[in-house]
């Protein structure tokens, strides 16, 4: 399951390299920029972790349109 946060149209998604359907998603703009000041402390920690784990546990991030659930 993705850990997802509300966004304004786009998500920066980090998918697990080992577990299908797992990863992280963060609100971003269309260019993939995440406003760290708008994230909670936990979300910010998760974002920094996800960036550090690219190539180890997570795939390179991709910008995706946020779809309503």
PDB file of N, CA and C in Angstrom:
ATOM      1  N   UNK A   1       0.848  -1.165   0.000  1.00  0.00           N
ATOM      2  CA  UNK A   1       0.000   0.000   0.000  1.00  0.00           C
ATOM      3  C   UNK A   1       0.901   1.238   0.000  1.00  0.00           C
ATOM      4  N   UNK A   2       0.506   2.223  -0.797  1.00  0.00           N
ATOM      5  CA  UNK A   2       1.253   3.463  -0.837  1.00  0.00           C
ATOM      6  C   UNK A   2       0.875   4.333   0.339  1.00  0.00           C
ATOM      7  N   UNK A   3       1.867   4.974   0.926  1.00  0.00           N
ATOM      8  CA  UNK A   3       1.598   5.988   1.934  1.00  0.00           C
ATOM      9  C   UNK A   3       1.391   7.267   1.149  1.00  0.00           C
ATOM     10  N   UNK A   4       0.162   7.785   1.177  1.00  0.00           N
ATOM     11  CA  UNK A   4      -0.196   8.896   0.317  1.00  0.00           C
ATOM     12  C   UNK A   4      -0.677  10.088   1.121  1.00  0.00           C
ATOM     13  N   UNK A   5      -0.449  11.257   0.600  1.00  0.00           N
ATOM     14  CA  UNK A   5      -0.830  12.501   1.243  1.00  0.00           C
ATOM     15  C   UNK A   5      -1.655  13.308   0.268  1.00  0.00           C
ATOM     16  N   UNK A   6      -2.545  14.156   0.779  1.00  0.00           N
ATOM     17  CA  UNK A   6      -3.378  14.959  -0.108  1.00  0.00           C
ATOM     18  C   UNK A   6      -2.503  15.845  -0.981  1.00  0.00           C
ATOM     19  N   UNK A   7      -2.965  16.107  -2.193  1.00  0.00           N
ATOM     20  CA  UNK A   7      -2.168  16.885  -3.120  1.00  0.00           C
ATOM     21  C   UNK A   7      -3.041  17.786  -3.963  1.00  0.00           C
ATOM     22  N   UNK A   8      -2.397  18.579  -4.783  1.00  0.00           N
ATOM     23  CA  UNK A   8      -3.086  19.512  -5.658  1.00  0.00           C
ATOM     24  C   UNK A   8      -2.977  19.060  -7.107  1.00  0.00           C
ATOM     25  N   UNK A   9      -3.093  17.803  -7.368  1.00  0.00           N
ATOM     26  CA  UNK A   9      -3.128  17.333  -8.746  1.00  0.00           C
ATOM     27  C   UNK A   9      -2.062  16.347  -9.165  1.00  0.00           C
ATOM     28  N   UNK A  10      -0.904  16.364  -8.518  1.00  0.00           N
ATOM     29  CA  UNK A  10       0.174  15.457  -8.897  1.00  0.00           C
ATOM     30  C   UNK A  10       0.768  14.790  -7.661  1.00  0.00           C
ATOM     31  N   UNK A  11       1.321  13.603  -7.879  1.00  0.00           N
ATOM     32  CA  UNK A  11       2.006  12.867  -6.821  1.00  0.00           C
ATOM     33  C   UNK A  11       3.380  12.451  -7.317  1.00  0.00           C
ATOM     34  N   UNK A  12       4.365  12.545  -6.452  1.00  0.00           N
ATOM     35  CA  UNK A  12       5.686  12.003  -6.725  1.00  0.00           C
ATOM     36  C   UNK A  12       5.714  10.626  -6.083  1.00  0.00           C
ATOM     37  N   UNK A  13       5.761   9.591  -6.918  1.00  0.00           N
ATOM     38  CA  UNK A  13       5.608   8.211  -6.438  1.00  0.00           C
ATOM     39  C   UNK A  13       6.935   7.459  -6.464  1.00  0.00           C
ATOM     40  N   UNK A  14       7.259   6.862  -5.337  1.00  0.00           N
ATOM     41  CA  UNK A  14       8.431   6.001  -5.188  1.00  0.00           C
ATOM     42  C   UNK A  14       7.893   4.586  -4.998  1.00  0.00           C
ATOM     43  N   UNK A  15       8.080   3.713  -5.965  1.00  0.00           N
ATOM     44  CA  UNK A  15       7.560   2.341  -5.884  1.00  0.00           C
ATOM     45  C   UNK A  15       8.626   1.380  -5.365  1.00  0.00           C
ATOM     46  N   UNK A  16       8.188   0.411  -4.578  1.00  0.00           N
ATOM     47  CA  UNK A  16       9.098  -0.596  -4.038  1.00  0.00           C
ATOM     48  C   UNK A  16       9.686  -1.434  -5.162  1.00  0.00           C
ATOM     49  N   UNK A  17      10.960  -1.749  -5.046  1.00  0.00           N
ATOM     50  CA  UNK A  17      11.604  -2.641  -6.009  1.00  0.00           C
ATOM     51  C   UNK A  17      11.279  -4.105  -5.737  1.00  0.00           C
ATOM     52  N   UNK A  18      10.786  -4.401  -4.528  1.00  0.00           N
ATOM     53  CA  UNK A  18      10.633  -5.785  -4.118  1.00  0.00           C
ATOM     54  C   UNK A  18       9.206  -6.214  -3.819  1.00  0.00           C
ATOM     55  N   UNK A  19       8.331  -5.282  -3.471  1.00  0.00           N
ATOM     56  CA  UNK A  19       6.959  -5.623  -3.095  1.00  0.00           C
ATOM     57  C   UNK A  19       5.984  -4.828  -3.954  1.00  0.00           C
ATOM     58  N   UNK A  20       5.329  -5.504  -4.875  1.00  0.00           N
ATOM     59  CA  UNK A  20       4.374  -4.856  -5.759  1.00  0.00           C
ATOM     60  C   UNK A  20       3.283  -4.157  -4.960  1.00  0.00           C
ATOM     61  N   UNK A  21       2.947  -2.933  -5.357  1.00  0.00           N
ATOM     62  CA  UNK A  21       1.906  -2.180  -4.683  1.00  0.00           C
ATOM     63  C   UNK A  21       2.366  -1.418  -3.456  1.00  0.00           C
ATOM     64  N   UNK A  22       3.630  -1.527  -3.103  1.00  0.00           N
ATOM     65  CA  UNK A  22       4.153  -0.822  -1.923  1.00  0.00           C
ATOM     66  C   UNK A  22       5.000   0.362  -2.383  1.00  0.00           C
ATOM     67  N   UNK A  23       5.082   1.373  -1.536  1.00  0.00           N
ATOM     68  CA  UNK A  23       5.909   2.517  -1.842  1.00  0.00           C
ATOM     69  C   UNK A  23       5.409   3.753  -1.119  1.00  0.00           C
ATOM     70  N   UNK A  24       5.782   4.910  -1.627  1.00  0.00           N
ATOM     71  CA  UNK A  24       5.416   6.192  -1.037  1.00  0.00           C
ATOM     72  C   UNK A  24       4.934   7.113  -2.143  1.00  0.00           C
ATOM     73  N   UNK A  25       4.020   8.030  -1.793  1.00  0.00           N
ATOM     74  CA  UNK A  25       3.555   9.046  -2.731  1.00  0.00           C
ATOM     75  C   UNK A  25       3.411  10.366  -1.978  1.00  0.00           C
ATOM     76  N   UNK A  26       3.905  11.433  -2.592  1.00  0.00           N
ATOM     77  CA  UNK A  26       3.902  12.746  -1.966  1.00  0.00           C
ATOM     78  C   UNK A  26       3.326  13.770  -2.925  1.00  0.00           C
ATOM     79  N   UNK A  27       2.576  14.752  -2.408  1.00  0.00           N
ATOM     80  CA  UNK A  27       2.037  15.788  -3.288  1.00  0.00           C
ATOM     81  C   UNK A  27       3.184  16.601  -3.895  1.00  0.00           C
ATOM     82  N   UNK A  28       3.024  16.934  -5.172  1.00  0.00           N
ATOM     83  CA  UNK A  28       4.052  17.700  -5.865  1.00  0.00           C
ATOM     84  C   UNK A  28       3.412  18.531  -6.964  1.00  0.00           C
ATOM     85  N   UNK A  29       4.239  19.343  -7.615  1.00  0.00           N
ATOM     86  CA  UNK A  29       3.748  20.060  -8.790  1.00  0.00           C
ATOM     87  C   UNK A  29       4.012  19.191 -10.024  1.00  0.00           C
ATOM     88  N   UNK A  30       3.662  19.699 -11.180  1.00  0.00           N
ATOM     89  CA  UNK A  30       3.811  18.920 -12.407  1.00  0.00           C
ATOM     90  C   UNK A  30       5.245  18.573 -12.759  1.00  0.00           C
ATOM     91  N   UNK A  31       6.198  19.282 -12.176  1.00  0.00           N
ATOM     92  CA  UNK A  31       7.620  19.010 -12.421  1.00  0.00           C
ATOM     93  C   UNK A  31       8.220  18.071 -11.371  1.00  0.00           C
ATOM     94  N   UNK A  32       7.408  17.635 -10.404  1.00  0.00           N
ATOM     95  CA  UNK A  32       7.898  16.713  -9.387  1.00  0.00           C
ATOM     96  C   UNK A  32       8.492  17.376  -8.164  1.00  0.00           C
ATOM     97  N   UNK A  33       8.320  18.689  -8.032  1.00  0.00           N
ATOM     98  CA  UNK A  33       8.855  19.391  -6.860  1.00  0.00           C
ATOM     99  C   UNK A  33       7.902  19.255  -5.682  1.00  0.00           C
ATOM    100  N   UNK A  34       8.425  18.814  -4.561  1.00  0.00           N
ATOM    101  CA  UNK A  34       7.659  18.627  -3.329  1.00  0.00           C
ATOM    102  C   UNK A  34       7.931  19.816  -2.415  1.00  0.00           C
ATOM    103  N   UNK A  35       6.859  20.410  -1.878  1.00  0.00           N
ATOM    104  CA  UNK A  35       6.997  21.527  -0.937  1.00  0.00           C
ATOM    105  C   UNK A  35       7.170  20.947   0.464  1.00  0.00           C
ATOM    106  N   UNK A  36       8.409  20.848   0.911  1.00  0.00           N
ATOM    107  CA  UNK A  36       8.696  20.223   2.204  1.00  0.00           C
ATOM    108  C   UNK A  36       8.044  20.974   3.362  1.00  0.00           C
ATOM    109  N   UNK A  37       7.854  22.264   3.208  1.00  0.00           N
ATOM    110  CA  UNK A  37       7.226  23.056   4.272  1.00  0.00           C
ATOM    111  C   UNK A  37       5.759  22.689   4.476  1.00  0.00           C
ATOM    112  N   UNK A  38       5.127  22.108   3.470  1.00  0.00           N
ATOM    113  CA  UNK A  38       3.718  21.734   3.571  1.00  0.00           C
ATOM    114  C   UNK A  38       3.523  20.312   4.106  1.00  0.00           C
ATOM    115  N   UNK A  39       4.586  19.550   4.230  1.00  0.00           N
ATOM    116  CA  UNK A  39       4.490  18.179   4.728  1.00  0.00           C
ATOM    117  C   UNK A  39       4.546  18.171   6.257  1.00  0.00           C
ATOM    118  N   UNK A  40       3.858  17.199   6.841  1.00  0.00           N
ATOM    119  CA  UNK A  40       3.991  17.001   8.284  1.00  0.00           C
ATOM    120  C   UNK A  40       5.411  16.506   8.569  1.00  0.00           C
ATOM    121  N   UNK A  41       5.785  16.506   9.813  1.00  0.00           N
ATOM    122  CA  UNK A  41       7.126  16.019  10.172  1.00  0.00           C
ATOM    123  C   UNK A  41       7.308  14.564   9.756  1.00  0.00           C
ATOM    124  N   UNK A  42       6.296  13.747   9.976  1.00  0.00           N
ATOM    125  CA  UNK A  42       6.377  12.331   9.593  1.00  0.00           C
ATOM    126  C   UNK A  42       6.484  12.183   8.084  1.00  0.00           C
ATOM    127  N   UNK A  43       5.659  12.932   7.350  1.00  0.00           N
ATOM    128  CA  UNK A  43       5.709  12.865   5.888  1.00  0.00           C
ATOM    129  C   UNK A  43       7.064  13.328   5.370  1.00  0.00           C
ATOM    130  N   UNK A  44       7.611  14.390   5.956  1.00  0.00           N
ATOM    131  CA  UNK A  44       8.926  14.893   5.554  1.00  0.00           C
ATOM    132  C   UNK A  44      10.000  13.833   5.804  1.00  0.00           C
ATOM    133  N   UNK A  45       9.948  13.187   6.951  1.00  0.00           N
ATOM    134  CA  UNK A  45      10.907  12.107   7.250  1.00  0.00           C
ATOM    135  C   UNK A  45      10.767  10.976   6.231  1.00  0.00           C
ATOM    136  N   UNK A  46       9.529  10.612   5.900  1.00  0.00           N
ATOM    137  CA  UNK A  46       9.290   9.551   4.913  1.00  0.00           C
ATOM    138  C   UNK A  46       9.798   9.955   3.530  1.00  0.00           C
ATOM    139  N   UNK A  47       9.608  11.218   3.157  1.00  0.00           N
ATOM    140  CA  UNK A  47      10.092  11.709   1.871  1.00  0.00           C
ATOM    141  C   UNK A  47      11.620  11.620   1.800  1.00  0.00           C
ATOM    142  N   UNK A  48      12.286  12.072   2.837  1.00  0.00           N
ATOM    143  CA  UNK A  48      13.750  12.022   2.854  1.00  0.00           C
ATOM    144  C   UNK A  48      14.249  10.577   2.842  1.00  0.00           C
ATOM    145  N   UNK A  49      13.545   9.697   3.545  1.00  0.00           N
ATOM    146  CA  UNK A  49      13.891   8.273   3.530  1.00  0.00           C
ATOM    147  C   UNK A  49      13.729   7.708   2.114  1.00  0.00           C
ATOM    148  N   UNK A  50      12.593   8.014   1.497  1.00  0.00           N
ATOM    149  CA  UNK A  50      12.331   7.492   0.149  1.00  0.00           C
ATOM    150  C   UNK A  50      13.414   7.946  -0.824  1.00  0.00           C
ATOM    151  N   UNK A  51      13.791   9.208  -0.770  1.00  0.00           N
ATOM    152  CA  UNK A  51      14.857   9.700  -1.653  1.00  0.00           C
ATOM    153  C   UNK A  51      16.166   8.950  -1.420  1.00  0.00           C
ATOM    154  N   UNK A  52      16.473   8.676  -0.153  1.00  0.00           N
ATOM    155  CA  UNK A  52      17.731   7.989   0.174  1.00  0.00           C
ATOM    156  C   UNK A  52      17.723   6.527  -0.262  1.00  0.00           C
ATOM    157  N   UNK A  53      16.550   5.933  -0.386  1.00  0.00           N
ATOM    158  CA  UNK A  53      16.443   4.512  -0.709  1.00  0.00           C
ATOM    159  C   UNK A  53      16.267   4.216  -2.195  1.00  0.00           C
ATOM    160  N   UNK A  54      16.294   5.255  -3.038  1.00  0.00           N
ATOM    161  CA  UNK A  54      16.193   5.043  -4.482  1.00  0.00           C
ATOM    162  C   UNK A  54      17.364   4.189  -4.931  1.00  0.00           C
ATOM    163  N   UNK A  55      17.060   3.121  -5.640  1.00  0.00           N
ATOM    164  CA  UNK A  55      18.083   2.197  -6.122  1.00  0.00           C
ATOM    165  C   UNK A  55      18.418   1.090  -5.144  1.00  0.00           C
ATOM    166  N   UNK A  56      18.012   1.240  -3.899  1.00  0.00           N
ATOM    167  CA  UNK A  56      18.254   0.210  -2.883  1.00  0.00           C
ATOM    168  C   UNK A  56      16.968  -0.554  -2.590  1.00  0.00           C
ATOM    169  N   UNK A  57      15.932   0.192  -2.202  1.00  0.00           N
ATOM    170  CA  UNK A  57      14.636  -0.406  -1.898  1.00  0.00           C
ATOM    171  C   UNK A  57      13.523   0.126  -2.793  1.00  0.00           C
ATOM    172  N   UNK A  58      13.752   1.321  -3.369  1.00  0.00           N
ATOM    173  CA  UNK A  58      12.711   1.987  -4.146  1.00  0.00           C
ATOM    174  C   UNK A  58      13.215   2.361  -5.532  1.00  0.00           C
ATOM    175  N   UNK A  59      12.283   2.363  -6.495  1.00  0.00           N
ATOM    176  CA  UNK A  59      12.605   2.788  -7.854  1.00  0.00           C
ATOM    177  C   UNK A  59      12.707   4.308  -7.897  1.00  0.00           C
ATOM    178  N   UNK A  60      13.330   4.821  -8.932  1.00  0.00           N
ATOM    179  CA  UNK A  60      13.380   6.268  -9.132  1.00  0.00           C
ATOM    180  C   UNK A  60      11.961   6.807  -9.153  1.00  0.00           C
ATOM    181  N   UNK A  61      11.737   7.981  -8.595  1.00  0.00           N
ATOM    182  CA  UNK A  61      10.377   8.505  -8.504  1.00  0.00           C
ATOM    183  C   UNK A  61       9.805   8.887  -9.862  1.00  0.00           C
ATOM    184  N   UNK A  62       8.482   8.831  -9.938  1.00  0.00           N
ATOM    185  CA  UNK A  62       7.764   9.223 -11.147  1.00  0.00           C
ATOM    186  C   UNK A  62       6.631  10.160 -10.753  1.00  0.00           C
ATOM    187  N   UNK A  63       6.406  11.180 -11.563  1.00  0.00           N
ATOM    188  CA  UNK A  63       5.288  12.095 -11.334  1.00  0.00           C
ATOM    189  C   UNK A  63       4.047  11.490 -11.967  1.00  0.00           C
ATOM    190  N   UNK A  64       2.980  11.401 -11.189  1.00  0.00           N
ATOM    191  CA  UNK A  64       1.722  10.844 -11.669  1.00  0.00           C
ATOM    192  C   UNK A  64       0.582  11.785 -11.310  1.00  0.00           C
ATOM    193  N   UNK A  65      -0.444  11.773 -12.131  1.00  0.00           N
ATOM    194  CA  UNK A  65      -1.648  12.535 -11.818  1.00  0.00           C
ATOM    195  C   UNK A  65      -2.314  11.912 -10.609  1.00  0.00           C
ATOM    196  N   UNK A  66      -2.762  12.750  -9.690  1.00  0.00           N
ATOM    197  CA  UNK A  66      -3.514  12.277  -8.524  1.00  0.00           C
ATOM    198  C   UNK A  66      -4.939  12.012  -8.980  1.00  0.00           C
ATOM    199  N   UNK A  67      -5.418  10.813  -8.726  1.00  0.00           N
ATOM    200  CA  UNK A  67      -6.782  10.472  -9.111  1.00  0.00           C
ATOM    201  C   UNK A  67      -7.642  10.358  -7.856  1.00  0.00           C
ATOM    202  N   UNK A  68      -8.854  10.911  -7.901  1.00  0.00           N
ATOM    203  CA  UNK A  68      -9.735  10.795  -6.737  1.00  0.00           C
ATOM    204  C   UNK A  68     -10.084   9.343  -6.475  1.00  0.00           C
ATOM    205  N   UNK A  69     -10.229   9.014  -5.210  1.00  0.00           N
ATOM    206  CA  UNK A  69     -10.527   7.620  -4.838  1.00  0.00           C
ATOM    207  C   UNK A  69     -11.994   7.410  -4.744  1.00  0.00           C
TER     208      UNK A  69
END
